[in-house]
Protein backbone atom coordinates (compact mmCIF):
# COMPACT_ATOMS: atom_id res chain seq x y z
CA UNK A 1 0.00 0.00 0.00
CA UNK A 2 1.21 3.50 -0.87
CA UNK A 3 -0.26 6.70 0.58
CA UNK A 4 -0.49 10.22 -0.81
CA UNK A 5 -0.80 12.85 1.90
CA UNK A 6 -1.81 16.45 1.25
CA UNK A 7 -3.01 19.44 3.26
CA UNK A 8 -6.43 20.57 2.07
CA UNK A 9 -6.55 24.33 2.65
CA UNK A 10 -10.16 24.58 1.45
CA UNK A 11 -11.57 22.09 3.98
CA UNK A 12 -9.31 23.17 6.86
CA UNK A 13 -10.85 25.30 9.61
CA UNK A 14 -14.53 24.50 9.25
CA UNK A 15 -17.05 21.63 9.44
CA UNK A 16 -15.52 18.50 10.94
CA UNK A 17 -12.12 20.23 10.77
CA UNK A 18 -13.23 23.32 12.72
CA UNK A 19 -10.11 24.90 14.28
CA UNK A 20 -8.02 22.11 12.73
CA UNK A 21 -5.95 21.38 9.63
CA UNK A 22 -7.59 18.93 7.24
CA UNK A 23 -5.16 16.40 5.77
CA UNK A 24 -6.41 14.23 2.94
CA UNK A 25 -4.80 10.80 2.61
CA UNK A 26 -5.39 8.67 -0.48
CA UNK A 27 -4.66 4.95 -0.12
CA UNK A 28 -3.21 3.55 -3.35
CA UNK A 29 -2.47 -0.05 -4.24
CA UNK A 30 0.40 0.77 -6.60
CA UNK A 31 3.07 3.42 -7.06
CA UNK A 32 1.53 4.23 -10.46
CA UNK A 33 -1.73 5.17 -8.72
CA UNK A 34 0.16 7.25 -6.14
CA UNK A 35 2.09 9.10 -8.86
CA UNK A 36 -1.16 9.93 -10.65
CA UNK A 37 -2.79 11.24 -7.44
CA UNK A 38 0.31 13.27 -6.59
CA UNK A 39 0.25 14.96 -10.00
CA UNK A 40 -3.51 15.60 -9.82
CA UNK A 41 -3.15 17.10 -6.32
CA UNK A 42 -0.41 19.42 -7.53
CA UNK A 43 -2.88 20.75 -10.13
CA UNK A 44 -5.29 21.76 -7.36
CA UNK A 45 -4.63 25.14 -5.72
CA UNK A 46 -6.18 24.10 -2.40
CA UNK A 47 -3.82 21.14 -1.96
CA UNK A 48 -0.46 21.92 -0.35
CA UNK A 49 2.46 19.81 0.94
CA UNK A 50 1.71 16.80 -1.29
CA UNK A 51 3.81 13.78 -0.28
CA UNK A 52 3.95 10.11 -1.23
CA UNK A 53 4.45 7.92 1.87
CA UNK A 54 5.11 4.21 2.38
CA UNK A 55 3.20 4.17 5.68
CA UNK A 56 -0.11 5.64 6.80
CA UNK A 57 0.40 9.14 8.26
CA UNK A 58 -0.18 9.22 12.01
CA UNK A 59 -2.93 11.27 13.63
CA UNK A 60 -1.72 14.36 15.46
CA UNK A 61 -3.46 16.90 17.67
CA UNK A 62 -5.05 19.67 15.62
CA UNK A 63 -5.14 17.58 12.43
CA UNK A 64 -8.16 15.82 10.94
CA UNK A 65 -7.19 13.03 8.51
CA UNK A 66 -9.70 12.38 5.73
CA UNK A 67 -8.81 8.97 4.30
CA UNK A 68 -9.99 7.96 0.81
CA UNK A 69 -9.31 4.87 -1.28
CA UNK A 70 -8.00 5.36 -4.81
CA UNK A 71 -10.88 3.21 -6.10
CA UNK A 72 -13.40 5.70 -4.64
CA UNK A 73 -12.00 8.69 -6.55
CA UNK A 74 -13.18 9.93 -9.93
CA UNK A 75 -13.05 12.92 -12.27
CA UNK A 76 -9.96 15.14 -12.10
CA UNK A 77 -8.33 12.87 -9.51
CA UNK A 78 -7.84 10.25 -12.22
CA UNK A 79 -6.67 12.67 -14.92
CA UNK A 80 -3.08 11.38 -14.82
CA UNK A 81 -3.81 7.69 -14.28
CA UNK A 82 -2.49 5.30 -16.97
CA UNK A 83 0.28 7.67 -17.94
CA UNK A 84 -1.56 10.29 -19.97
CA UNK A 85 -3.52 13.33 -18.95
CA UNK A 86 -7.12 12.99 -20.05
CA UNK A 87 -9.92 15.51 -20.05
CA UNK A 88 -11.89 15.23 -16.80
PDB file of N, CA and C in Angstrom:
ATOM      1  N   UNK A   1       0.844  -1.178   0.000  1.00  0.00           N
ATOM      2  CA  UNK A   1       0.000   0.000   0.000  1.00  0.00           C
ATOM      3  C   UNK A   1       0.891   1.243   0.000  1.00  0.00           C
ATOM      4  N   UNK A   2       0.504   2.225  -0.773  1.00  0.00           N
ATOM      5  CA  UNK A   2       1.213   3.500  -0.868  1.00  0.00           C
ATOM      6  C   UNK A   2       0.195   4.591  -0.538  1.00  0.00           C
ATOM      7  N   UNK A   3       0.645   5.640   0.130  1.00  0.00           N
ATOM      8  CA  UNK A   3      -0.256   6.702   0.583  1.00  0.00           C
ATOM      9  C   UNK A   3       0.198   8.044   0.021  1.00  0.00           C
ATOM     10  N   UNK A   4      -0.781   8.854  -0.380  1.00  0.00           N
ATOM     11  CA  UNK A   4      -0.491  10.217  -0.809  1.00  0.00           C
ATOM     12  C   UNK A   4      -1.156  11.132   0.210  1.00  0.00           C
ATOM     13  N   UNK A   5      -0.335  11.947   0.844  1.00  0.00           N
ATOM     14  CA  UNK A   5      -0.797  12.848   1.904  1.00  0.00           C
ATOM     15  C   UNK A   5      -0.736  14.275   1.386  1.00  0.00           C
ATOM     16  N   UNK A   6      -1.783  15.054   1.678  1.00  0.00           N
ATOM     17  CA  UNK A   6      -1.812  16.453   1.250  1.00  0.00           C
ATOM     18  C   UNK A   6      -2.638  17.274   2.232  1.00  0.00           C
ATOM     19  N   UNK A   7      -2.248  18.527   2.429  1.00  0.00           N
ATOM     20  CA  UNK A   7      -3.013  19.440   3.264  1.00  0.00           C
ATOM     21  C   UNK A   7      -4.061  20.102   2.392  1.00  0.00           C
ATOM     22  N   UNK A   8      -5.318  19.992   2.807  1.00  0.00           N
ATOM     23  CA  UNK A   8      -6.434  20.568   2.067  1.00  0.00           C
ATOM     24  C   UNK A   8      -6.790  21.916   2.695  1.00  0.00           C
ATOM     25  N   UNK A   9      -6.296  22.993   2.097  1.00  0.00           N
ATOM     26  CA  UNK A   9      -6.549  24.327   2.648  1.00  0.00           C
ATOM     27  C   UNK A   9      -8.007  24.731   2.558  1.00  0.00           C
ATOM     28  N   UNK A  10      -8.746  24.219   1.584  1.00  0.00           N
ATOM     29  CA  UNK A  10     -10.156  24.577   1.446  1.00  0.00           C
ATOM     30  C   UNK A  10     -10.989  24.004   2.593  1.00  0.00           C
ATOM     31  N   UNK A  11     -10.770  22.749   2.953  1.00  0.00           N
ATOM     32  CA  UNK A  11     -11.570  22.087   3.985  1.00  0.00           C
ATOM     33  C   UNK A  11     -11.055  22.346   5.398  1.00  0.00           C
ATOM     34  N   UNK A  12      -9.872  22.898   5.539  1.00  0.00           N
ATOM     35  CA  UNK A  12      -9.311  23.174   6.865  1.00  0.00           C
ATOM     36  C   UNK A  12     -10.063  24.329   7.519  1.00  0.00           C
ATOM     37  N   UNK A  13     -10.308  24.197   8.831  1.00  0.00           N
ATOM     38  CA  UNK A  13     -10.846  25.298   9.606  1.00  0.00           C
ATOM     39  C   UNK A  13     -12.348  25.362   9.736  1.00  0.00           C
ATOM     40  N   UNK A  14     -13.079  24.458   9.105  1.00  0.00           N
ATOM     41  CA  UNK A  14     -14.530  24.501   9.253  1.00  0.00           C
ATOM     42  C   UNK A  14     -15.114  23.086   9.170  1.00  0.00           C
ATOM     43  N   UNK A  15     -16.401  22.945   9.453  1.00  0.00           N
ATOM     44  CA  UNK A  15     -17.052  21.631   9.442  1.00  0.00           C
ATOM     45  C   UNK A  15     -16.392  20.704  10.454  1.00  0.00           C
ATOM     46  N   UNK A  16     -16.158  19.479  10.053  1.00  0.00           N
ATOM     47  CA  UNK A  16     -15.524  18.505  10.940  1.00  0.00           C
ATOM     48  C   UNK A  16     -14.108  18.915  11.319  1.00  0.00           C
ATOM     49  N   UNK A  17     -13.498  19.782  10.514  1.00  0.00           N
ATOM     50  CA  UNK A  17     -12.117  20.234  10.773  1.00  0.00           C
ATOM     51  C   UNK A  17     -12.100  21.632  11.407  1.00  0.00           C
ATOM     52  N   UNK A  18     -13.172  22.008  12.082  1.00  0.00           N
ATOM     53  CA  UNK A  18     -13.229  23.324  12.723  1.00  0.00           C
ATOM     54  C   UNK A  18     -12.036  23.494  13.664  1.00  0.00           C
ATOM     55  N   UNK A  19     -11.307  24.598  13.496  1.00  0.00           N
ATOM     56  CA  UNK A  19     -10.110  24.897  14.284  1.00  0.00           C
ATOM     57  C   UNK A  19      -9.006  23.855  14.108  1.00  0.00           C
ATOM     58  N   UNK A  20      -9.013  23.154  12.990  1.00  0.00           N
ATOM     59  CA  UNK A  20      -8.023  22.113  12.726  1.00  0.00           C
ATOM     60  C   UNK A  20      -7.523  22.233  11.291  1.00  0.00           C
ATOM     61  N   UNK A  21      -6.447  21.516  10.988  1.00  0.00           N
ATOM     62  CA  UNK A  21      -5.946  21.376   9.630  1.00  0.00           C
ATOM     63  C   UNK A  21      -6.492  20.080   9.067  1.00  0.00           C
ATOM     64  N   UNK A  22      -7.075  20.136   7.870  1.00  0.00           N
ATOM     65  CA  UNK A  22      -7.587  18.930   7.235  1.00  0.00           C
ATOM     66  C   UNK A  22      -6.513  18.337   6.327  1.00  0.00           C
ATOM     67  N   UNK A  23      -6.139  17.118   6.585  1.00  0.00           N
ATOM     68  CA  UNK A  23      -5.157  16.402   5.770  1.00  0.00           C
ATOM     69  C   UNK A  23      -5.884  15.276   5.050  1.00  0.00           C
ATOM     70  N   UNK A  24      -5.809  15.292   3.732  1.00  0.00           N
ATOM     71  CA  UNK A  24      -6.410  14.225   2.937  1.00  0.00           C
ATOM     72  C   UNK A  24      -5.345  13.175   2.648  1.00  0.00           C
ATOM     73  N   UNK A  25      -5.705  11.925   2.873  1.00  0.00           N
ATOM     74  CA  UNK A  25      -4.804  10.802   2.613  1.00  0.00           C
ATOM     75  C   UNK A  25      -5.503   9.875   1.621  1.00  0.00           C
ATOM     76  N   UNK A  26      -4.842   9.598   0.511  1.00  0.00           N
ATOM     77  CA  UNK A  26      -5.389   8.669  -0.485  1.00  0.00           C
ATOM     78  C   UNK A  26      -4.584   7.381  -0.414  1.00  0.00           C
ATOM     79  N   UNK A  27      -5.288   6.277  -0.175  1.00  0.00           N
ATOM     80  CA  UNK A  27      -4.659   4.953  -0.120  1.00  0.00           C
ATOM     81  C   UNK A  27      -4.610   4.384  -1.532  1.00  0.00           C
ATOM     82  N   UNK A  28      -3.415   4.083  -2.002  1.00  0.00           N
ATOM     83  CA  UNK A  28      -3.213   3.552  -3.349  1.00  0.00           C
ATOM     84  C   UNK A  28      -2.630   2.150  -3.259  1.00  0.00           C
ATOM     85  N   UNK A  29      -2.999   1.316  -4.212  1.00  0.00           N
ATOM     86  CA  UNK A  29      -2.475  -0.047  -4.237  1.00  0.00           C
ATOM     87  C   UNK A  29      -1.130  -0.134  -4.939  1.00  0.00           C
ATOM     88  N   UNK A  30      -0.846   0.816  -5.836  1.00  0.00           N
ATOM     89  CA  UNK A  30       0.404   0.768  -6.600  1.00  0.00           C
ATOM     90  C   UNK A  30       1.068   2.145  -6.609  1.00  0.00           C
ATOM     91  N   UNK A  31       2.338   2.160  -6.931  1.00  0.00           N
ATOM     92  CA  UNK A  31       3.070   3.418  -7.063  1.00  0.00           C
ATOM     93  C   UNK A  31       2.546   4.217  -8.257  1.00  0.00           C
ATOM     94  N   UNK A  32       2.102   3.543  -9.300  1.00  0.00           N
ATOM     95  CA  UNK A  32       1.530   4.226 -10.464  1.00  0.00           C
ATOM     96  C   UNK A  32       0.289   5.037 -10.052  1.00  0.00           C
ATOM     97  N   UNK A  33      -0.563   4.447  -9.229  1.00  0.00           N
ATOM     98  CA  UNK A  33      -1.733   5.172  -8.725  1.00  0.00           C
ATOM     99  C   UNK A  33      -1.296   6.373  -7.889  1.00  0.00           C
ATOM    100  N   UNK A  34      -0.325   6.166  -7.012  1.00  0.00           N
ATOM    101  CA  UNK A  34       0.155   7.245  -6.142  1.00  0.00           C
ATOM    102  C   UNK A  34       0.752   8.384  -6.963  1.00  0.00           C
ATOM    103  N   UNK A  35       1.513   8.062  -7.997  1.00  0.00           N
ATOM    104  CA  UNK A  35       2.094   9.101  -8.857  1.00  0.00           C
ATOM    105  C   UNK A  35       0.999   9.916  -9.540  1.00  0.00           C
ATOM    106  N   UNK A  36      -0.053   9.236  -9.988  1.00  0.00           N
ATOM    107  CA  UNK A  36      -1.164   9.925 -10.651  1.00  0.00           C
ATOM    108  C   UNK A  36      -1.889  10.852  -9.679  1.00  0.00           C
ATOM    109  N   UNK A  37      -2.120  10.411  -8.447  1.00  0.00           N
ATOM    110  CA  UNK A  37      -2.791  11.238  -7.440  1.00  0.00           C
ATOM    111  C   UNK A  37      -1.903  12.416  -7.052  1.00  0.00           C
ATOM    112  N   UNK A  38      -0.608  12.182  -6.919  1.00  0.00           N
ATOM    113  CA  UNK A  38       0.308  13.273  -6.589  1.00  0.00           C
ATOM    114  C   UNK A  38       0.244  14.361  -7.663  1.00  0.00           C
ATOM    115  N   UNK A  39       0.288  13.974  -8.915  1.00  0.00           N
ATOM    116  CA  UNK A  39       0.252  14.964  -9.999  1.00  0.00           C
ATOM    117  C   UNK A  39      -1.087  15.686 -10.053  1.00  0.00           C
ATOM    118  N   UNK A  40      -2.183  14.960  -9.832  1.00  0.00           N
ATOM    119  CA  UNK A  40      -3.507  15.595  -9.822  1.00  0.00           C
ATOM    120  C   UNK A  40      -3.625  16.576  -8.654  1.00  0.00           C
ATOM    121  N   UNK A  41      -3.096  16.214  -7.491  1.00  0.00           N
ATOM    122  CA  UNK A  41      -3.146  17.098  -6.322  1.00  0.00           C
ATOM    123  C   UNK A  41      -2.340  18.365  -6.559  1.00  0.00           C
ATOM    124  N   UNK A  42      -1.229  18.253  -7.248  1.00  0.00           N
ATOM    125  CA  UNK A  42      -0.406  19.422  -7.529  1.00  0.00           C
ATOM    126  C   UNK A  42      -1.107  20.388  -8.492  1.00  0.00           C
ATOM    127  N   UNK A  43      -2.084  19.895  -9.251  1.00  0.00           N
ATOM    128  CA  UNK A  43      -2.882  20.747 -10.133  1.00  0.00           C
ATOM    129  C   UNK A  43      -3.959  21.531  -9.376  1.00  0.00           C
ATOM    130  N   UNK A  44      -4.214  21.141  -8.131  1.00  0.00           N
ATOM    131  CA  UNK A  44      -5.288  21.763  -7.356  1.00  0.00           C
ATOM    132  C   UNK A  44      -4.704  22.809  -6.409  1.00  0.00           C
ATOM    133  N   UNK A  45      -5.175  24.046  -6.535  1.00  0.00           N
ATOM    134  CA  UNK A  45      -4.634  25.140  -5.724  1.00  0.00           C
ATOM    135  C   UNK A  45      -4.831  24.946  -4.227  1.00  0.00           C
ATOM    136  N   UNK A  46      -5.904  24.260  -3.828  1.00  0.00           N
ATOM    137  CA  UNK A  46      -6.179  24.102  -2.400  1.00  0.00           C
ATOM    138  C   UNK A  46      -5.321  23.026  -1.733  1.00  0.00           C
ATOM    139  N   UNK A  47      -4.638  22.209  -2.512  1.00  0.00           N
ATOM    140  CA  UNK A  47      -3.816  21.143  -1.956  1.00  0.00           C
ATOM    141  C   UNK A  47      -2.361  21.600  -1.837  1.00  0.00           C
ATOM    142  N   UNK A  48      -1.837  21.512  -0.641  1.00  0.00           N
ATOM    143  CA  UNK A  48      -0.457  21.915  -0.353  1.00  0.00           C
ATOM    144  C   UNK A  48       0.280  20.742   0.284  1.00  0.00           C
ATOM    145  N   UNK A  49       1.605  20.824   0.292  1.00  0.00           N
ATOM    146  CA  UNK A  49       2.458  19.813   0.937  1.00  0.00           C
ATOM    147  C   UNK A  49       2.058  18.381   0.535  1.00  0.00           C
ATOM    148  N   UNK A  50       2.084  18.113  -0.747  1.00  0.00           N
ATOM    149  CA  UNK A  50       1.714  16.804  -1.288  1.00  0.00           C
ATOM    150  C   UNK A  50       2.919  15.867  -1.167  1.00  0.00           C
ATOM    151  N   UNK A  51       2.726  14.738  -0.512  1.00  0.00           N
ATOM    152  CA  UNK A  51       3.810  13.776  -0.283  1.00  0.00           C
ATOM    153  C   UNK A  51       3.336  12.356  -0.542  1.00  0.00           C
ATOM    154  N   UNK A  52       4.204  11.537  -1.114  1.00  0.00           N
ATOM    155  CA  UNK A  52       3.954  10.106  -1.231  1.00  0.00           C
ATOM    156  C   UNK A  52       4.667   9.427  -0.068  1.00  0.00           C
ATOM    157  N   UNK A  53       3.917   8.581   0.666  1.00  0.00           N
ATOM    158  CA  UNK A  53       4.455   7.918   1.866  1.00  0.00           C
ATOM    159  C   UNK A  53       4.303   6.409   1.740  1.00  0.00           C
ATOM    160  N   UNK A  54       5.203   5.677   2.378  1.00  0.00           N
ATOM    161  CA  UNK A  54       5.105   4.214   2.375  1.00  0.00           C
ATOM    162  C   UNK A  54       4.327   3.692   3.571  1.00  0.00           C
ATOM    163  N   UNK A  55       4.014   4.568   4.536  1.00  0.00           N
ATOM    164  CA  UNK A  55       3.199   4.166   5.682  1.00  0.00           C
ATOM    165  C   UNK A  55       2.103   5.200   5.916  1.00  0.00           C
ATOM    166  N   UNK A  56       1.033   4.761   6.531  1.00  0.00           N
ATOM    167  CA  UNK A  56      -0.106   5.638   6.801  1.00  0.00           C
ATOM    168  C   UNK A  56       0.324   6.769   7.732  1.00  0.00           C
ATOM    169  N   UNK A  57       0.058   8.027   7.368  1.00  0.00           N
ATOM    170  CA  UNK A  57       0.400   9.143   8.259  1.00  0.00           C
ATOM    171  C   UNK A  57      -0.307   8.990   9.608  1.00  0.00           C
ATOM    172  N   UNK A  58       0.374   9.355  10.662  1.00  0.00           N
ATOM    173  CA  UNK A  58      -0.177   9.222  12.010  1.00  0.00           C
ATOM    174  C   UNK A  58      -1.051  10.426  12.347  1.00  0.00           C
ATOM    175  N   UNK A  59      -2.090  10.181  13.130  1.00  0.00           N
ATOM    176  CA  UNK A  59      -2.930  11.269  13.627  1.00  0.00           C
ATOM    177  C   UNK A  59      -2.134  12.117  14.592  1.00  0.00           C
ATOM    178  N   UNK A  60      -2.385  13.424  14.544  1.00  0.00           N
ATOM    179  CA  UNK A  60      -1.722  14.357  15.455  1.00  0.00           C
ATOM    180  C   UNK A  60      -2.772  15.320  15.987  1.00  0.00           C
ATOM    181  N   UNK A  61      -2.521  15.905  17.151  1.00  0.00           N
ATOM    182  CA  UNK A  61      -3.461  16.901  17.670  1.00  0.00           C
ATOM    183  C   UNK A  61      -3.593  18.071  16.688  1.00  0.00           C
ATOM    184  N   UNK A  62      -4.810  18.533  16.494  1.00  0.00           N
ATOM    185  CA  UNK A  62      -5.048  19.666  15.615  1.00  0.00           C
ATOM    186  C   UNK A  62      -5.125  19.321  14.143  1.00  0.00           C
ATOM    187  N   UNK A  63      -5.099  18.021  13.823  1.00  0.00           N
ATOM    188  CA  UNK A  63      -5.144  17.580  12.428  1.00  0.00           C
ATOM    189  C   UNK A  63      -6.275  16.564  12.270  1.00  0.00           C
ATOM    190  N   UNK A  64      -7.117  16.784  11.279  1.00  0.00           N
ATOM    191  CA  UNK A  64      -8.159  15.825  10.935  1.00  0.00           C
ATOM    192  C   UNK A  64      -7.735  15.125   9.654  1.00  0.00           C
ATOM    193  N   UNK A  65      -7.568  13.805   9.703  1.00  0.00           N
ATOM    194  CA  UNK A  65      -7.189  13.035   8.512  1.00  0.00           C
ATOM    195  C   UNK A  65      -8.455  12.527   7.824  1.00  0.00           C
ATOM    196  N   UNK A  66      -8.614  12.882   6.563  1.00  0.00           N
ATOM    197  CA  UNK A  66      -9.699  12.377   5.725  1.00  0.00           C
ATOM    198  C   UNK A  66      -9.083  11.325   4.812  1.00  0.00           C
ATOM    199  N   UNK A  67      -9.429  10.067   5.031  1.00  0.00           N
ATOM    200  CA  UNK A  67      -8.813   8.965   4.296  1.00  0.00           C
ATOM    201  C   UNK A  67      -9.761   8.495   3.200  1.00  0.00           C
ATOM    202  N   UNK A  68      -9.232   8.416   1.979  1.00  0.00           N
ATOM    203  CA  UNK A  68      -9.988   7.963   0.810  1.00  0.00           C
ATOM    204  C   UNK A  68      -9.212   6.842   0.130  1.00  0.00           C
ATOM    205  N   UNK A  69      -9.932   5.921  -0.475  1.00  0.00           N
ATOM    206  CA  UNK A  69      -9.311   4.868  -1.278  1.00  0.00           C
ATOM    207  C   UNK A  69      -9.231   5.346  -2.727  1.00  0.00           C
ATOM    208  N   UNK A  70      -8.161   4.999  -3.410  1.00  0.00           N
ATOM    209  CA  UNK A  70      -7.998   5.364  -4.813  1.00  0.00           C
ATOM    210  C   UNK A  70      -9.216   4.933  -5.621  1.00  0.00           C
ATOM    211  N   UNK A  71      -9.741   3.750  -5.341  1.00  0.00           N
ATOM    212  CA  UNK A  71     -10.877   3.215  -6.104  1.00  0.00           C
ATOM    213  C   UNK A  71     -12.151   4.029  -5.913  1.00  0.00           C
ATOM    214  N   UNK A  72     -12.218   4.867  -4.881  1.00  0.00           N
ATOM    215  CA  UNK A  72     -13.399   5.696  -4.638  1.00  0.00           C
ATOM    216  C   UNK A  72     -13.329   7.059  -5.329  1.00  0.00           C
ATOM    217  N   UNK A  73     -12.185   7.389  -5.923  1.00  0.00           N
ATOM    218  CA  UNK A  73     -12.003   8.694  -6.554  1.00  0.00           C
ATOM    219  C   UNK A  73     -12.445   8.651  -8.010  1.00  0.00           C
ATOM    220  N   UNK A  74     -12.785   9.840  -8.534  1.00  0.00           N
ATOM    221  CA  UNK A  74     -13.183   9.934  -9.932  1.00  0.00           C
ATOM    222  C   UNK A  74     -12.826  11.324 -10.454  1.00  0.00           C
ATOM    223  N   UNK A  75     -13.234  11.599 -11.681  1.00  0.00           N
ATOM    224  CA  UNK A  75     -13.050  12.922 -12.267  1.00  0.00           C
ATOM    225  C   UNK A  75     -11.600  13.339 -12.350  1.00  0.00           C
ATOM    226  N   UNK A  76     -11.317  14.608 -11.941  1.00  0.00           N
ATOM    227  CA  UNK A  76      -9.959  15.138 -12.103  1.00  0.00           C
ATOM    228  C   UNK A  76      -8.909  14.385 -11.290  1.00  0.00           C
ATOM    229  N   UNK A  77      -9.310  13.645 -10.279  1.00  0.00           N
ATOM    230  CA  UNK A  77      -8.334  12.874  -9.507  1.00  0.00           C
ATOM    231  C   UNK A  77      -7.685  11.786 -10.349  1.00  0.00           C
ATOM    232  N   UNK A  78      -8.376  11.336 -11.374  1.00  0.00           N
ATOM    233  CA  UNK A  78      -7.840  10.253 -12.218  1.00  0.00           C
ATOM    234  C   UNK A  78      -7.259  10.766 -13.535  1.00  0.00           C
ATOM    235  N   UNK A  79      -7.124  12.074 -13.665  1.00  0.00           N
ATOM    236  CA  UNK A  79      -6.668  12.675 -14.918  1.00  0.00           C
ATOM    237  C   UNK A  79      -5.300  12.183 -15.378  1.00  0.00           C
ATOM    238  N   UNK A  80      -4.435  11.823 -14.452  1.00  0.00           N
ATOM    239  CA  UNK A  80      -3.076  11.385 -14.818  1.00  0.00           C
ATOM    240  C   UNK A  80      -2.910   9.863 -14.727  1.00  0.00           C
ATOM    241  N   UNK A  81      -3.942   9.143 -14.409  1.00  0.00           N
ATOM    242  CA  UNK A  81      -3.811   7.693 -14.279  1.00  0.00           C
ATOM    243  C   UNK A  81      -3.634   7.062 -15.657  1.00  0.00           C
ATOM    244  N   UNK A  82      -2.846   6.023 -15.742  1.00  0.00           N
ATOM    245  CA  UNK A  82      -2.492   5.301 -16.968  1.00  0.00           C
ATOM    246  C   UNK A  82      -1.548   6.105 -17.849  1.00  0.00           C
ATOM    247  N   UNK A  83      -0.801   7.026 -17.235  1.00  0.00           N
ATOM    248  CA  UNK A  83       0.280   7.671 -17.941  1.00  0.00           C
ATOM    249  C   UNK A  83      -0.029   8.902 -18.747  1.00  0.00           C
ATOM    250  N   UNK A  84      -1.256   9.127 -19.130  1.00  0.00           N
ATOM    251  CA  UNK A  84      -1.556  10.287 -19.970  1.00  0.00           C
ATOM    252  C   UNK A  84      -2.649  11.143 -19.351  1.00  0.00           C
ATOM    253  N   UNK A  85      -2.480  12.426 -19.449  1.00  0.00           N
ATOM    254  CA  UNK A  85      -3.516  13.332 -18.946  1.00  0.00           C
ATOM    255  C   UNK A  85      -4.715  13.245 -19.873  1.00  0.00           C
ATOM    256  N   UNK A  86      -5.887  13.048 -19.280  1.00  0.00           N
ATOM    257  CA  UNK A  86      -7.122  12.987 -20.052  1.00  0.00           C
ATOM    258  C   UNK A  86      -8.040  14.094 -19.582  1.00  0.00           C
ATOM    259  N   UNK A  87      -8.954  14.472 -20.412  1.00  0.00           N
ATOM    260  CA  UNK A  87      -9.919  15.509 -20.049  1.00  0.00           C
ATOM    261  C   UNK A  87     -10.853  14.957 -18.985  1.00  0.00           C
ATOM    262  N   UNK A  88     -11.027  15.716 -17.884  1.00  0.00           N
ATOM    263  CA  UNK A  88     -11.891  15.232 -16.798  1.00  0.00           C
ATOM    264  C   UNK A  88     -13.042  16.180 -16.578  1.00  0.00           C
TER     265      UNK A  88
END
